[in-house]
Amino acid sequence: MSDVQQYLGQEAVGEREGIGGMRQLDIGVDLDGVCYDFTASLRHYLVTHEGYDHADLPGGGADDPDTTWEFYKDCWGLTTEEFLTACDRGVDAGIVFGHREPFEHTVETLERLREKGHRLHIITSRSFGTRSHHNTSDWLERHRVPFDSLVFSDHKTIIRPDVMVDDYEKNFRAFMDLGIPCLLYDRPWNRHIPDSGMRVHSWGDVELSMNAFAANLDRL
């Protein structure tokens, strides 16, 4: 089976030129931690379906300075098996990847980028349960998140955008090692990574960075 489990879109990633000679970018966008609060959706499922109390699930959020990548273990005291089981059940219940609004300014920023002619490729490794693809597609449509293609893969570099936006160290380094600029969306779990000028703290930062990349694409 191909690494790309699902690909939706009419055009492949490739070079093109926009109005006034400004290059238009193929932009790769991660979902969890960048557009979507995965931790909050999982907490909601555990409280509403598994009998947990909010007090049992402290921290773990994108704005909590003590949050680690393995928040479920370090903040919530769950084993890896318990975490994976909860994720599977949460997805199949329609809560995980379906509940919660997009992070602030996500949609309007992506809309502006697309209006400038850039193509948006959502690249995610979501594979929990049996409804990860369905919940994701439904959430994107419900919140009117603009995109040109949707890719599900554990190996995100199978898609080669001009620029990627991600919050996970492994993906950040994988794209950078290939010479593909990757904006590192600032989260507590990636603050140990030395700042190389690629860290962004908001969707406003993302937009400014994309403007700069579009003006200097030939130099990348």
Protein backbone atom coordinates (compact mmCIF):
# COMPACT_ATOMS: atom_id res chain seq x y z
CA MET A 1 0.00 0.00 0.00
CA SER A 2 1.27 3.49 -0.81
CA ASP A 3 2.36 5.80 1.99
CA VAL A 4 -0.15 8.27 0.64
CA GLN A 5 -3.38 6.75 1.85
CA GLN A 6 -5.57 9.48 0.41
CA TYR A 7 -4.90 12.35 -1.97
CA LEU A 8 -7.55 14.84 -2.95
CA GLY A 9 -6.78 17.59 -5.42
CA GLN A 10 -6.68 18.47 -9.07
CA GLU A 11 -3.08 19.62 -9.41
CA ALA A 12 0.25 18.13 -8.43
CA VAL A 13 2.88 20.13 -6.60
CA GLY A 14 4.91 22.07 -9.16
CA GLU A 15 6.41 25.40 -10.14
CA ARG A 16 4.27 28.27 -11.40
CA GLU A 17 4.37 32.04 -11.64
CA GLY A 18 1.71 34.45 -10.53
CA ILE A 19 0.60 38.00 -11.25
CA GLY A 20 3.42 40.49 -11.70
CA GLY A 21 6.05 37.79 -11.74
CA MET A 22 5.50 36.97 -8.08
CA ARG A 23 6.02 33.26 -7.60
CA GLN A 24 3.11 31.34 -6.21
CA LEU A 25 3.95 28.75 -3.62
CA ASP A 26 2.96 25.20 -2.91
CA ILE A 27 2.49 25.37 0.86
CA GLY A 28 2.36 22.26 3.03
CA VAL A 29 0.27 22.60 6.20
CA ASP A 30 0.13 20.25 9.17
CA LEU A 31 -3.12 20.01 11.13
CA ASP A 32 -2.60 18.92 14.75
CA GLY A 33 -0.82 21.57 16.78
CA VAL A 34 -0.89 23.99 13.85
CA CYS A 35 -4.54 24.27 12.81
CA TYR A 36 -6.28 22.03 15.34
CA ASP A 37 -6.13 21.41 19.10
CA PHE A 38 -5.84 17.63 19.21
CA THR A 39 -5.25 17.53 22.98
CA ALA A 40 -8.45 19.44 23.74
CA SER A 41 -10.50 17.14 21.51
CA LEU A 42 -9.10 14.04 23.21
CA ARG A 43 -9.77 15.53 26.64
CA HIS A 44 -13.35 16.28 25.61
CA TYR A 45 -13.84 12.68 24.54
CA LEU A 46 -12.40 11.25 27.77
CA VAL A 47 -14.62 13.51 29.90
CA THR A 48 -17.85 13.03 27.94
CA HIS A 49 -17.48 9.35 27.02
CA GLU A 50 -15.05 7.64 29.39
CA GLY A 51 -15.99 9.16 32.75
CA TYR A 52 -12.84 11.18 33.37
CA ASP A 53 -12.99 14.44 35.28
CA HIS A 54 -11.33 17.57 33.91
CA ALA A 55 -9.19 17.59 37.05
CA ASP A 56 -7.78 14.21 36.00
CA LEU A 57 -6.48 15.69 32.74
CA PRO A 58 -4.50 18.83 33.60
CA GLY A 59 -2.35 20.75 31.15
CA GLY A 60 -1.39 19.19 27.88
CA GLY A 61 -2.52 22.19 25.86
CA ALA A 62 -0.70 24.13 23.17
CA ASP A 63 -0.40 27.14 25.48
CA ASP A 64 0.69 25.23 28.59
CA PRO A 65 4.46 25.78 29.00
CA ASP A 66 4.89 22.38 30.66
CA THR A 67 3.30 20.39 27.83
CA THR A 68 5.52 17.73 26.29
CA TRP A 69 5.06 15.70 23.10
CA GLU A 70 3.98 12.76 25.29
CA PHE A 71 1.50 14.87 27.24
CA TYR A 72 -0.79 11.88 27.81
CA LYS A 73 1.93 10.25 29.87
CA ASP A 74 3.62 13.25 31.48
CA CYS A 75 0.49 15.30 32.22
CA TRP A 76 -2.34 12.76 32.35
CA GLY A 77 -0.62 9.61 33.60
CA LEU A 78 -1.93 7.40 30.77
CA THR A 79 0.08 4.53 29.38
CA THR A 80 0.81 4.48 25.67
CA GLU A 81 -1.71 1.65 25.24
CA GLU A 82 -4.41 3.59 27.10
CA PHE A 83 -3.67 6.67 25.00
CA LEU A 84 -3.85 4.84 21.69
CA THR A 85 -7.08 3.08 22.69
CA ALA A 86 -8.64 6.41 23.70
CA CYS A 87 -7.58 7.97 20.39
CA ASP A 88 -9.11 5.12 18.39
CA ARG A 89 -12.36 5.30 20.32
CA GLY A 90 -12.43 9.09 20.28
CA VAL A 91 -12.07 9.15 16.51
CA ASP A 92 -14.76 6.52 15.99
CA ALA A 93 -17.07 8.49 18.30
CA GLY A 94 -16.63 11.51 16.02
CA ILE A 95 -15.01 13.64 18.74
CA VAL A 96 -11.28 13.44 18.03
CA PHE A 97 -10.50 15.24 14.75
CA GLY A 98 -14.11 16.40 14.66
CA HIS A 99 -14.71 18.46 17.83
CA ARG A 100 -13.19 21.92 18.38
CA GLU A 101 -12.80 25.09 16.34
CA PRO A 102 -9.65 25.79 14.32
CA PHE A 103 -6.97 27.75 16.12
CA GLU A 104 -7.49 31.51 15.99
CA HIS A 105 -6.79 33.17 12.62
CA THR A 106 -6.13 29.84 10.88
CA VAL A 107 -8.93 29.98 8.32
CA GLU A 108 -8.69 33.66 7.40
CA THR A 109 -4.92 33.44 6.94
CA LEU A 110 -5.20 30.39 4.69
CA GLU A 111 -7.92 32.17 2.72
CA ARG A 112 -5.64 35.16 2.12
CA LEU A 113 -2.77 32.93 1.06
CA ARG A 114 -5.00 31.12 -1.40
CA GLU A 115 -6.36 34.42 -2.74
CA LYS A 116 -2.77 35.32 -3.62
CA GLY A 117 -2.62 32.20 -5.77
CA HIS A 118 -0.70 29.93 -3.42
CA ARG A 119 -1.75 26.29 -3.32
CA LEU A 120 -2.42 24.71 0.06
CA HIS A 121 -1.56 21.06 0.66
CA ILE A 122 -2.73 19.68 4.00
CA ILE A 123 -0.39 16.88 5.04
CA THR A 124 -1.27 14.83 8.12
CA SER A 125 -0.39 11.46 9.61
CA ARG A 126 -3.83 10.92 11.16
CA SER A 127 -4.69 7.21 11.26
CA PHE A 128 -6.49 6.49 14.54
CA GLY A 129 -9.63 4.37 14.52
CA THR A 130 -11.67 3.85 11.39
CA ARG A 131 -12.87 7.41 10.81
CA SER A 132 -9.75 9.59 10.80
CA HIS A 133 -10.15 10.46 7.13
CA HIS A 134 -13.90 11.03 7.43
CA ASN A 135 -13.62 13.21 10.55
CA THR A 136 -10.83 15.25 9.00
CA SER A 137 -12.61 15.87 5.71
CA ASP A 138 -15.86 16.69 7.51
CA TRP A 139 -14.09 19.10 9.89
CA LEU A 140 -12.32 20.90 7.03
CA GLU A 141 -15.60 21.31 5.16
CA ARG A 142 -17.59 22.34 8.21
CA HIS A 143 -15.12 25.07 9.13
CA ARG A 144 -14.52 26.07 5.53
CA VAL A 145 -10.80 25.55 5.73
CA PRO A 146 -9.41 26.21 2.24
CA PHE A 147 -7.09 23.64 0.67
CA ASP A 148 -6.12 22.22 -2.70
CA SER A 149 -5.09 18.74 -1.61
CA LEU A 150 -5.37 16.54 1.45
CA VAL A 151 -2.72 13.90 2.11
CA PHE A 152 -2.64 11.23 4.82
CA SER A 153 0.83 9.76 5.32
CA ASP A 154 3.24 8.86 8.12
CA HIS A 155 6.03 10.11 5.85
CA LYS A 156 5.13 13.71 5.14
CA THR A 157 8.12 14.34 2.90
CA ILE A 158 6.51 12.16 0.24
CA ILE A 159 5.00 15.52 -0.76
CA ARG A 160 7.58 18.18 -1.66
CA PRO A 161 6.03 21.64 -1.18
CA ASP A 162 8.00 24.87 -1.52
CA VAL A 163 7.45 25.56 2.19
CA MET A 164 6.03 23.43 5.04
CA VAL A 165 4.41 24.47 8.34
CA ASP A 166 4.68 21.92 11.16
CA ASP A 167 5.11 21.72 14.93
CA TYR A 168 6.75 18.29 15.30
CA GLU A 169 10.53 18.12 15.53
CA LYS A 170 10.82 14.97 13.43
CA ASN A 171 8.92 16.52 10.52
CA PHE A 172 10.69 19.86 10.86
CA ARG A 173 14.10 18.24 10.59
CA ALA A 174 13.03 15.90 7.78
CA PHE A 175 11.96 18.77 5.53
CA MET A 176 14.93 20.95 6.43
CA ASP A 177 17.31 18.07 5.68
CA LEU A 178 15.82 17.92 2.19
CA GLY A 179 16.40 21.62 1.70
CA ILE A 180 12.69 22.42 1.98
CA PRO A 181 12.08 25.36 4.34
CA CYS A 182 9.86 24.34 7.24
CA LEU A 183 8.28 26.93 9.49
CA LEU A 184 8.28 25.56 13.02
CA TYR A 185 5.01 26.58 14.66
CA ASP A 186 6.00 27.43 18.22
CA ARG A 187 4.66 24.99 20.80
CA PRO A 188 5.94 23.97 24.25
CA TRP A 189 7.02 20.57 22.93
CA ASN A 190 9.40 22.05 20.37
CA ARG A 191 11.02 24.89 22.32
CA HIS A 192 14.16 22.85 22.95
CA ILE A 193 14.99 23.21 19.25
CA PRO A 194 17.48 26.06 18.68
CA ASP A 195 15.96 29.00 16.84
CA SER A 196 17.21 29.01 13.26
CA GLY A 197 14.97 31.81 12.07
CA MET A 198 12.22 29.37 11.04
CA ARG A 199 10.12 29.59 14.21
CA VAL A 200 6.73 31.28 13.96
CA HIS A 201 4.47 32.21 16.86
CA SER A 202 1.20 32.96 15.10
CA TRP A 203 -0.63 32.68 11.81
CA GLY A 204 0.30 36.31 11.26
CA ASP A 205 3.94 35.24 11.35
CA VAL A 206 3.15 32.45 8.89
CA GLU A 207 1.60 34.90 6.43
CA LEU A 208 4.53 37.31 6.64
CA SER A 209 6.97 34.46 6.12
CA MET A 210 5.08 33.19 3.08
CA ASN A 211 5.14 36.68 1.56
CA ALA A 212 8.91 36.71 1.98
CA PHE A 213 9.31 33.21 0.54
CA ALA A 214 7.18 34.11 -2.49
CA ALA A 215 9.34 37.14 -3.18
CA ASN A 216 12.58 35.17 -2.87
CA LEU A 217 11.64 31.65 -3.97
CA ASP A 218 14.41 31.38 -6.54
CA ARG A 219 16.96 31.89 -3.77
CA LEU A 220 15.66 29.05 -1.58
